[in-house]
Amino acid sequence: IYNAGEHQYIDVIFDDTMHREKHLDRRFIVDIDFRSQFQIARPTHSYVNVLKALPPAFIGSFGKLMEII
């Protein structure tokens, strides 16, 4: 159970100085309770539909997370 304003996730930063390639993401976010962070007290029907479109968990690049948000 989380209190209001508290959120936990894992921020992974991959550092491989020998094999650096500019096209690879180096930062990943692992959030096993992603969808619940967007729940609100009185959602509209449209908001509920958008919420259902979000994955329950998120594992992906930091850039992809910013696109979703």
N, C-alpha and C. Protein backbone atom coordinates (compact mmCIF):
# COMPACT_ATOMS: atom_id res chain seq x y z
N ILE A 1 0.85 -1.18 0.00
CA ILE A 1 0.00 0.00 0.00
C ILE A 1 0.89 1.24 0.00
N TYR A 2 0.59 2.15 -0.92
CA TYR A 2 1.36 3.39 -1.03
C TYR A 2 0.54 4.55 -0.49
N ASN A 3 1.20 5.43 0.20
CA ASN A 3 0.56 6.66 0.63
C ASN A 3 0.55 7.64 -0.53
N ALA A 4 -0.34 8.61 -0.48
CA ALA A 4 -0.42 9.61 -1.55
C ALA A 4 0.94 10.28 -1.73
N GLY A 5 1.34 10.42 -2.99
CA GLY A 5 2.60 11.09 -3.28
C GLY A 5 3.81 10.19 -3.26
N GLU A 6 3.65 8.95 -2.86
CA GLU A 6 4.78 8.02 -2.82
C GLU A 6 4.72 7.10 -4.04
N HIS A 7 5.84 6.98 -4.71
CA HIS A 7 5.89 6.14 -5.91
C HIS A 7 7.26 5.49 -5.99
N GLN A 8 7.28 4.20 -6.29
CA GLN A 8 8.55 3.50 -6.38
C GLN A 8 8.71 2.88 -7.76
N TYR A 9 9.90 2.99 -8.30
CA TYR A 9 10.25 2.41 -9.59
C TYR A 9 11.75 2.19 -9.60
N ILE A 10 12.22 1.49 -10.61
CA ILE A 10 13.65 1.24 -10.75
C ILE A 10 14.14 2.01 -11.97
N ASP A 11 15.17 2.78 -11.79
CA ASP A 11 15.79 3.55 -12.86
C ASP A 11 17.13 2.88 -13.17
N VAL A 12 17.24 2.28 -14.36
CA VAL A 12 18.42 1.53 -14.75
C VAL A 12 19.22 2.35 -15.75
N ILE A 13 20.47 2.58 -15.45
CA ILE A 13 21.35 3.29 -16.37
C ILE A 13 22.45 2.32 -16.78
N PHE A 14 22.48 1.99 -18.05
CA PHE A 14 23.44 1.04 -18.60
C PHE A 14 24.69 1.79 -19.01
N ASP A 15 25.83 1.37 -18.51
CA ASP A 15 27.08 2.03 -18.85
C ASP A 15 28.06 0.97 -19.36
N ASP A 16 28.28 0.99 -20.64
CA ASP A 16 29.22 0.06 -21.25
C ASP A 16 30.14 0.90 -22.14
N THR A 17 31.20 1.39 -21.55
CA THR A 17 32.08 2.32 -22.26
C THR A 17 32.81 1.67 -23.44
N MET A 18 32.94 0.35 -23.43
CA MET A 18 33.65 -0.32 -24.51
C MET A 18 32.78 -0.46 -25.77
N HIS A 19 31.46 -0.49 -25.62
CA HIS A 19 30.58 -0.73 -26.75
C HIS A 19 29.55 0.38 -26.93
N ARG A 20 29.95 1.59 -26.77
CA ARG A 20 29.02 2.72 -26.90
C ARG A 20 28.54 2.86 -28.34
N GLU A 21 27.23 2.87 -28.47
CA GLU A 21 26.62 3.14 -29.77
C GLU A 21 25.56 4.19 -29.54
N LYS A 22 25.59 5.24 -30.33
CA LYS A 22 24.71 6.37 -30.09
C LYS A 22 23.23 6.05 -30.26
N HIS A 23 22.89 5.02 -31.02
CA HIS A 23 21.48 4.73 -31.27
C HIS A 23 20.84 3.90 -30.15
N LEU A 24 21.62 3.44 -29.20
CA LEU A 24 21.07 2.63 -28.13
C LEU A 24 20.68 3.49 -26.93
N ASP A 25 19.52 3.20 -26.36
CA ASP A 25 19.12 3.88 -25.13
C ASP A 25 19.97 3.37 -23.98
N ARG A 26 20.32 4.25 -23.11
CA ARG A 26 21.16 3.90 -21.96
C ARG A 26 20.37 3.92 -20.65
N ARG A 27 19.17 4.46 -20.68
CA ARG A 27 18.40 4.60 -19.45
C ARG A 27 17.05 3.90 -19.63
N PHE A 28 16.72 3.04 -18.67
CA PHE A 28 15.47 2.30 -18.70
C PHE A 28 14.73 2.45 -17.39
N ILE A 29 13.42 2.45 -17.46
CA ILE A 29 12.57 2.55 -16.27
C ILE A 29 11.81 1.24 -16.13
N VAL A 30 11.77 0.71 -14.91
CA VAL A 30 10.99 -0.48 -14.59
C VAL A 30 9.98 -0.06 -13.53
N ASP A 31 8.71 -0.10 -13.89
CA ASP A 31 7.63 0.31 -12.98
C ASP A 31 6.56 -0.78 -13.01
N ILE A 32 6.48 -1.56 -11.93
CA ILE A 32 5.55 -2.69 -11.91
C ILE A 32 4.13 -2.29 -11.56
N ASP A 33 3.92 -1.03 -11.23
CA ASP A 33 2.58 -0.55 -10.88
C ASP A 33 2.27 0.74 -11.66
N PHE A 34 2.58 0.73 -12.93
CA PHE A 34 2.54 1.93 -13.77
C PHE A 34 1.13 2.52 -13.89
N ARG A 35 0.17 1.71 -14.30
CA ARG A 35 -1.18 2.22 -14.58
C ARG A 35 -1.81 2.88 -13.36
N SER A 36 -1.59 2.32 -12.19
CA SER A 36 -2.24 2.85 -10.99
C SER A 36 -1.80 4.28 -10.66
N GLN A 37 -0.66 4.71 -11.18
CA GLN A 37 -0.17 6.07 -10.91
C GLN A 37 -1.01 7.14 -11.58
N PHE A 38 -1.89 6.74 -12.49
CA PHE A 38 -2.72 7.69 -13.22
C PHE A 38 -4.18 7.64 -12.78
N GLN A 39 -4.48 6.87 -11.74
CA GLN A 39 -5.86 6.80 -11.26
C GLN A 39 -6.23 8.09 -10.54
N ILE A 40 -7.47 8.53 -10.76
CA ILE A 40 -7.97 9.73 -10.10
C ILE A 40 -9.30 9.40 -9.43
N ALA A 41 -9.74 10.26 -8.54
CA ALA A 41 -10.92 9.99 -7.72
C ALA A 41 -12.21 9.87 -8.53
N ARG A 42 -12.47 10.78 -9.44
CA ARG A 42 -13.71 10.77 -10.21
C ARG A 42 -13.42 10.85 -11.70
N PRO A 43 -12.98 9.74 -12.27
CA PRO A 43 -12.62 9.80 -13.69
C PRO A 43 -13.84 9.84 -14.60
N THR A 44 -13.71 10.52 -15.71
CA THR A 44 -14.76 10.52 -16.73
C THR A 44 -14.67 9.19 -17.50
N HIS A 45 -15.70 8.90 -18.28
CA HIS A 45 -15.69 7.69 -19.08
C HIS A 45 -14.51 7.69 -20.05
N SER A 46 -14.23 8.84 -20.64
CA SER A 46 -13.10 8.96 -21.57
C SER A 46 -11.77 8.70 -20.87
N TYR A 47 -11.64 9.22 -19.66
CA TYR A 47 -10.39 9.02 -18.90
C TYR A 47 -10.20 7.54 -18.57
N VAL A 48 -11.28 6.87 -18.20
CA VAL A 48 -11.21 5.44 -17.89
C VAL A 48 -10.74 4.66 -19.12
N ASN A 49 -11.24 5.03 -20.30
CA ASN A 49 -10.81 4.36 -21.53
C ASN A 49 -9.33 4.58 -21.81
N VAL A 50 -8.85 5.78 -21.59
CA VAL A 50 -7.42 6.07 -21.78
C VAL A 50 -6.61 5.28 -20.76
N LEU A 51 -7.07 5.24 -19.53
CA LEU A 51 -6.38 4.50 -18.47
C LEU A 51 -6.25 3.02 -18.81
N LYS A 52 -7.31 2.46 -19.39
CA LYS A 52 -7.29 1.04 -19.78
C LYS A 52 -6.28 0.77 -20.89
N ALA A 53 -5.96 1.79 -21.67
CA ALA A 53 -5.00 1.64 -22.76
C ALA A 53 -3.55 1.60 -22.26
N LEU A 54 -3.33 2.08 -21.04
CA LEU A 54 -1.98 2.06 -20.47
C LEU A 54 -1.63 0.65 -20.01
N PRO A 55 -0.37 0.28 -20.12
CA PRO A 55 0.02 -1.04 -19.62
C PRO A 55 0.01 -1.05 -18.08
N PRO A 56 -0.35 -2.18 -17.47
CA PRO A 56 -0.33 -2.25 -16.00
C PRO A 56 1.09 -2.07 -15.45
N ALA A 57 2.07 -2.55 -16.18
CA ALA A 57 3.48 -2.39 -15.80
C ALA A 57 4.21 -1.76 -16.99
N PHE A 58 5.31 -1.08 -16.71
CA PHE A 58 6.09 -0.46 -17.78
C PHE A 58 7.55 -0.84 -17.62
N ILE A 59 8.12 -1.34 -18.70
CA ILE A 59 9.55 -1.58 -18.77
C ILE A 59 9.98 -1.05 -20.13
N GLY A 60 10.75 0.02 -20.11
CA GLY A 60 11.15 0.61 -21.37
C GLY A 60 12.11 1.76 -21.17
N SER A 61 12.46 2.36 -22.28
CA SER A 61 13.42 3.46 -22.24
C SER A 61 12.79 4.69 -21.60
N PHE A 62 13.65 5.55 -21.12
CA PHE A 62 13.19 6.80 -20.53
C PHE A 62 12.49 7.64 -21.57
N GLY A 63 12.98 7.61 -22.80
CA GLY A 63 12.36 8.36 -23.89
C GLY A 63 10.94 7.88 -24.18
N LYS A 64 10.73 6.57 -24.18
CA LYS A 64 9.40 6.01 -24.42
C LYS A 64 8.45 6.39 -23.28
N LEU A 65 8.95 6.41 -22.06
CA LEU A 65 8.13 6.84 -20.93
C LEU A 65 7.67 8.28 -21.11
N MET A 66 8.56 9.14 -21.56
CA MET A 66 8.19 10.53 -21.78
C MET A 66 7.16 10.67 -22.89
N GLU A 67 7.23 9.82 -23.91
CA GLU A 67 6.21 9.84 -24.98
C GLU A 67 4.85 9.47 -24.43
N ILE A 68 4.79 8.48 -23.56
CA ILE A 68 3.51 8.03 -22.98
C ILE A 68 2.93 9.10 -22.08
N ILE A 69 3.77 9.67 -21.26
CA ILE A 69 3.28 10.68 -20.31
C ILE A 69 2.85 11.91 -21.06
